[in-house]
Amino acid sequence: MFVTESHAARGAQPPGWAISIQAGEALWRGRLRVGLSLDDIAARIGADPDMVGALENSDFDRLPSRDLSIAMARAYAEIVGLSRKWVALALAKELVRRDEDAGFDHRVEHPPFVRIRLLMRLYLGV
């Protein structure tokens, strides 16, 4: 994901080494940087270690709902010192891209996505 000036203006800057990597990889690198295990992260955010591993590996089929996945990623980001906004935006884009690759059109077939975008705008200011 490339961060635009508008993202930077809203405080959604990626870590310096995260120019075009996925959110899961950024979280994994952050976890290694702070020296925590997968089980440590899972315990701190109250999630199953398998779900945390799925998040790190961008294995979206093993993740819970979109909202819960983004909330889990934001909590994870805070623990490892990454921008919660950047991680939420990057993960949301990855989830949309995955759905579009599968042939889903959020504008027509999935009105709940509109609600998610509105919630992101409300809570994240994006």
Protein backbone atom coordinates (compact mmCIF):
# COMPACT_ATOMS: atom_id res chain seq x y z
CA MET A 1 0.00 0.00 0.00
CA PHE A 2 1.33 3.40 -0.90
CA VAL A 3 0.40 6.15 1.51
CA THR A 4 -0.81 9.36 -0.11
CA GLU A 5 -0.33 12.86 1.24
CA SER A 6 -3.93 12.85 2.44
CA HIS A 7 -3.22 9.72 4.51
CA ALA A 8 -0.12 11.34 5.97
CA ALA A 9 -2.10 14.45 6.83
CA ARG A 10 -4.54 12.33 8.83
CA GLY A 11 -1.77 10.58 10.77
CA ALA A 12 -1.98 7.28 8.88
CA GLN A 13 1.70 6.93 8.17
CA PRO A 14 3.19 3.49 7.79
CA PRO A 15 6.38 2.52 9.55
CA GLY A 16 9.46 3.52 7.57
CA TRP A 17 10.08 -0.01 6.31
CA ALA A 18 6.44 -0.63 5.31
CA ILE A 19 6.26 1.00 1.91
CA SER A 20 4.40 -1.70 0.01
CA ILE A 21 3.91 -4.61 2.38
CA GLN A 22 0.64 -5.99 3.65
CA ALA A 23 -0.74 -5.14 7.06
CA GLY A 24 -0.17 -8.70 8.30
CA GLU A 25 3.49 -8.60 7.43
CA ALA A 26 3.88 -5.20 9.09
CA LEU A 27 2.28 -6.61 12.27
CA TRP A 28 4.52 -9.69 12.14
CA ARG A 29 7.65 -7.54 11.74
CA GLY A 30 6.49 -5.30 14.56
CA ARG A 31 5.96 -8.32 16.81
CA LEU A 32 9.45 -9.59 16.09
CA ARG A 33 10.89 -6.12 16.68
CA VAL A 34 9.38 -5.91 20.18
CA GLY A 35 10.26 -9.53 20.97
CA LEU A 36 6.78 -10.92 21.62
CA SER A 37 5.49 -14.36 20.71
CA LEU A 38 2.29 -15.08 18.84
CA ASP A 39 0.77 -16.34 22.10
CA ASP A 40 1.75 -13.11 23.88
CA ILE A 41 -0.07 -11.01 21.29
CA ALA A 42 -3.10 -13.31 21.34
CA ALA A 43 -3.33 -13.08 25.13
CA ARG A 44 -3.02 -9.29 25.11
CA ILE A 45 -5.74 -8.72 22.52
CA GLY A 46 -7.97 -11.54 23.73
CA ALA A 47 -7.90 -13.58 20.54
CA ASP A 48 -7.09 -17.13 19.58
CA PRO A 49 -3.43 -17.58 18.51
CA ASP A 50 -4.66 -19.19 15.27
CA MET A 51 -6.58 -16.01 14.41
CA VAL A 52 -3.54 -13.86 15.13
CA GLY A 53 -1.48 -16.13 12.90
CA ALA A 54 -4.11 -15.86 10.17
CA LEU A 55 -3.94 -12.07 10.48
CA GLU A 56 -0.15 -12.07 10.14
CA ASN A 57 -0.35 -14.38 7.12
CA SER A 58 -3.22 -12.47 5.48
CA ASP A 59 -5.24 -15.69 5.52
CA PHE A 60 -8.57 -13.89 5.39
CA ASP A 61 -10.65 -17.06 5.10
CA ARG A 62 -9.65 -18.02 8.65
CA LEU A 63 -10.42 -14.58 10.09
CA PRO A 64 -13.71 -13.59 11.71
CA SER A 65 -15.88 -10.79 10.34
CA ARG A 66 -14.36 -7.75 8.67
CA ASP A 67 -15.11 -5.48 11.64
CA LEU A 68 -13.61 -7.87 14.16
CA SER A 69 -10.54 -8.45 12.00
CA ILE A 70 -9.88 -4.71 11.72
CA ALA A 71 -10.45 -4.19 15.46
CA MET A 72 -8.08 -7.06 16.23
CA ALA A 73 -5.45 -5.59 13.87
CA ARG A 74 -5.77 -2.14 15.47
CA ALA A 75 -5.23 -3.59 18.96
CA TYR A 76 -2.27 -5.62 17.68
CA ALA A 77 -0.78 -2.50 16.04
CA GLU A 78 -0.96 -0.57 19.28
CA ILE A 79 0.92 -3.31 21.14
CA VAL A 80 3.76 -3.44 18.63
CA GLY A 81 3.98 0.34 18.17
CA LEU A 82 2.53 0.72 14.68
CA SER A 83 0.02 3.32 13.53
CA ARG A 84 -3.45 1.96 14.26
CA LYS A 85 -4.90 4.08 11.46
CA TRP A 86 -2.42 2.83 8.88
CA VAL A 87 -2.95 -0.81 9.84
CA ALA A 88 -6.76 -0.42 9.74
CA LEU A 89 -6.64 1.29 6.34
CA ALA A 90 -4.19 -1.21 4.88
CA LEU A 91 -6.19 -4.21 6.14
CA ALA A 92 -9.50 -2.75 4.93
CA LYS A 93 -8.00 -2.24 1.47
CA GLU A 94 -6.65 -5.80 1.43
CA LEU A 95 -10.06 -7.17 2.41
CA VAL A 96 -11.78 -5.16 -0.31
CA ARG A 97 -9.19 -6.26 -2.87
CA ARG A 98 -9.69 -9.89 -1.87
CA ASP A 99 -13.47 -9.56 -2.21
CA GLU A 100 -13.16 -7.82 -5.57
CA ASP A 101 -10.83 -10.57 -6.80
CA ALA A 102 -13.53 -13.06 -5.80
CA GLY A 103 -16.07 -11.13 -7.88
CA PHE A 104 -17.88 -9.24 -5.12
CA ASP A 105 -19.01 -5.70 -5.83
CA HIS A 106 -19.41 -3.89 -2.52
CA ARG A 107 -21.30 -1.02 -4.08
CA VAL A 108 -24.11 -3.26 -5.29
CA GLU A 109 -24.12 -6.64 -3.58
CA HIS A 110 -22.87 -5.80 -0.10
CA PRO A 111 -24.53 -2.72 1.42
CA PRO A 112 -23.03 -3.54 4.88
CA PHE A 113 -19.66 -2.45 3.47
CA VAL A 114 -21.06 1.07 3.16
CA ARG A 115 -21.75 0.94 6.89
CA ILE A 116 -18.17 -0.17 7.52
CA ARG A 117 -16.82 2.74 5.48
CA LEU A 118 -19.01 5.14 7.44
CA LEU A 119 -17.82 3.65 10.73
CA MET A 120 -14.19 3.97 9.61
CA ARG A 121 -14.83 7.58 8.68
CA LEU A 122 -16.45 8.22 12.05
CA TYR A 123 -13.91 6.42 14.25
CA LEU A 124 -10.73 6.83 12.23
CA GLY A 125 -11.43 10.11 10.51
CA VAL A 126 -10.72 8.63 7.08
